[in-house]
Amino acid sequence: MSRLYEIHCYHEDIFQYVVASTNKFPEEKVRKDVEQMNNMLNEELKGKGIRYVFAVAVDKYSQNRQKKKQKTITAL
C-alpha cells in the first residue's frame, strides 16, 4: 500500500479540488510546499477563504497492481 501526499484547495470549509498528488517527495517537502502556497495567497483570496491543505491518501492503483501480482504468484 502506497501513500500519496496531496495538496487540496478549500474555499472556507468546502473542498474544491486536488491541486497536486505525489508519492515521489517526502511528507515534509509537501508540507512546506503547502505552507509556501498559503503564504503566496494575496489578501483578497485569503479574505474569500481560499486556503491550501496537506492531505494523505492511499494510492489505489498500486494496491490493485500488488493484488494482481499476488494472484499471479498464487496461480503459479
C-alpha atoms as a PDB file:
ATOM      1  CA  MET A   1       0.000   0.000   0.000  1.00  0.00           C
ATOM      2  CA  SER A   2       1.499   3.284  -1.098  1.00  0.00           C
ATOM      3  CA  ARG A   3       0.833   6.687   0.434  1.00  0.00           C
ATOM      4  CA  LEU A   4       0.113   9.722  -1.671  1.00  0.00           C
ATOM      5  CA  TYR A   5       0.733  13.193  -0.337  1.00  0.00           C
ATOM      6  CA  GLU A   6      -1.775  15.671  -1.710  1.00  0.00           C
ATOM      7  CA  ILE A   7      -2.387  19.384  -1.705  1.00  0.00           C
ATOM      8  CA  HIS A   8      -6.086  20.263  -1.532  1.00  0.00           C
ATOM      9  CA  CYS A   9      -7.706  23.601  -2.226  1.00  0.00           C
ATOM     10  CA  TYR A  10     -10.508  24.715   0.087  1.00  0.00           C
ATOM     11  CA  HIS A  11     -12.922  27.622  -0.113  1.00  0.00           C
ATOM     12  CA  GLU A  12     -13.757  28.259   3.539  1.00  0.00           C
ATOM     13  CA  ASP A  13     -14.511  24.715   4.802  1.00  0.00           C
ATOM     14  CA  ILE A  14     -15.606  23.302   1.446  1.00  0.00           C
ATOM     15  CA  PHE A  15     -13.210  21.099  -0.511  1.00  0.00           C
ATOM     16  CA  GLN A  16     -12.732  22.364  -4.076  1.00  0.00           C
ATOM     17  CA  TYR A  17     -10.143  20.183  -5.841  1.00  0.00           C
ATOM     18  CA  VAL A  18      -6.799  18.368  -5.598  1.00  0.00           C
ATOM     19  CA  VAL A  19      -4.018  20.729  -6.647  1.00  0.00           C
ATOM     20  CA  ALA A  20      -1.250  18.098  -6.629  1.00  0.00           C
ATOM     21  CA  SER A  21      -0.689  14.481  -5.702  1.00  0.00           C
ATOM     22  CA  THR A  22       2.692  12.752  -5.338  1.00  0.00           C
ATOM     23  CA  ASN A  23       4.490   9.806  -3.822  1.00  0.00           C
ATOM     24  CA  LYS A  24       7.887  10.922  -5.131  1.00  0.00           C
ATOM     25  CA  PHE A  25       8.653  13.521  -2.448  1.00  0.00           C
ATOM     26  CA  PRO A  26       8.844  13.165   1.337  1.00  0.00           C
ATOM     27  CA  GLU A  27       5.989  14.334   3.521  1.00  0.00           C
ATOM     28  CA  GLU A  28       7.979  17.253   4.937  1.00  0.00           C
ATOM     29  CA  LYS A  29       8.648  18.722   1.483  1.00  0.00           C
ATOM     30  CA  VAL A  30       4.976  18.608   0.547  1.00  0.00           C
ATOM     31  CA  ARG A  31       4.009  20.186   3.886  1.00  0.00           C
ATOM     32  CA  LYS A  32       6.498  23.001   3.250  1.00  0.00           C
ATOM     33  CA  ASP A  33       5.051  23.470  -0.252  1.00  0.00           C
ATOM     34  CA  VAL A  34       1.563  23.841   1.242  1.00  0.00           C
ATOM     35  CA  GLU A  35       2.847  26.416   3.720  1.00  0.00           C
ATOM     36  CA  GLN A  36       4.583  28.329   0.929  1.00  0.00           C
ATOM     37  CA  MET A  37       1.453  28.270  -1.256  1.00  0.00           C
ATOM     38  CA  ASN A  38      -0.649  29.660   1.606  1.00  0.00           C
ATOM     39  CA  ASN A  39       1.924  32.402   2.180  1.00  0.00           C
ATOM     40  CA  MET A  40       1.750  33.361  -1.511  1.00  0.00           C
ATOM     41  CA  LEU A  41      -2.016  33.968  -1.432  1.00  0.00           C
ATOM     42  CA  ASN A  42      -2.889  37.654  -1.662  1.00  0.00           C
ATOM     43  CA  GLU A  43      -5.140  39.292   0.925  1.00  0.00           C
ATOM     44  CA  GLU A  44      -8.158  39.249  -1.397  1.00  0.00           C
ATOM     45  CA  LEU A  45      -8.036  35.456  -1.788  1.00  0.00           C
ATOM     46  CA  LYS A  46      -7.392  34.950   1.925  1.00  0.00           C
ATOM     47  CA  GLY A  47     -10.406  37.167   2.634  1.00  0.00           C
ATOM     48  CA  LYS A  48     -12.537  34.932   0.398  1.00  0.00           C
ATOM     49  CA  GLY A  49     -11.497  31.922   2.491  1.00  0.00           C
ATOM     50  CA  ILE A  50      -9.185  30.275  -0.052  1.00  0.00           C
ATOM     51  CA  ARG A  51      -6.516  28.062   1.508  1.00  0.00           C
ATOM     52  CA  TYR A  52      -4.420  25.006   0.768  1.00  0.00           C
ATOM     53  CA  VAL A  53      -4.359  21.914   2.974  1.00  0.00           C
ATOM     54  CA  PHE A  54      -1.967  18.958   3.211  1.00  0.00           C
ATOM     55  CA  ALA A  55      -3.621  15.523   2.962  1.00  0.00           C
ATOM     56  CA  VAL A  56      -2.550  11.878   2.905  1.00  0.00           C
ATOM     57  CA  ALA A  57      -4.311   9.426   0.596  1.00  0.00           C
ATOM     58  CA  VAL A  58      -3.877   5.775  -0.359  1.00  0.00           C
ATOM     59  CA  ASP A  59      -2.644   5.004  -3.860  1.00  0.00           C
ATOM     60  CA  LYS A  60      -5.378   2.622  -5.022  1.00  0.00           C
ATOM     61  CA  TYR A  61      -3.593   1.969  -8.304  1.00  0.00           C
ATOM     62  CA  SER A  62      -0.574   0.491  -6.544  1.00  0.00           C
ATOM     63  CA  GLN A  63      -2.896  -1.575  -4.327  1.00  0.00           C
ATOM     64  CA  ASN A  64      -4.577  -3.086  -7.400  1.00  0.00           C
ATOM     65  CA  ARG A  65      -1.195  -3.735  -9.012  1.00  0.00           C
ATOM     66  CA  GLN A  66       0.015  -5.508  -5.842  1.00  0.00           C
ATOM     67  CA  LYS A  67      -3.147  -7.645  -5.723  1.00  0.00           C
ATOM     68  CA  LYS A  68      -2.631  -8.701  -9.359  1.00  0.00           C
ATOM     69  CA  LYS A  69       0.967  -9.665  -8.600  1.00  0.00           C
ATOM     70  CA  GLN A  70      -0.196 -11.719  -5.602  1.00  0.00           C
ATOM     71  CA  LYS A  71      -2.825 -13.511  -7.721  1.00  0.00           C
ATOM     72  CA  THR A  72      -0.238 -14.284 -10.375  1.00  0.00           C
ATOM     73  CA  ILE A  73       2.173 -15.666  -7.800  1.00  0.00           C
ATOM     74  CA  THR A  74      -0.589 -17.740  -6.194  1.00  0.00           C
ATOM     75  CA  ALA A  75      -1.667 -19.115  -9.586  1.00  0.00           C
ATOM     76  CA  LEU A  76       1.841 -20.353 -10.355  1.00  0.00           C
END
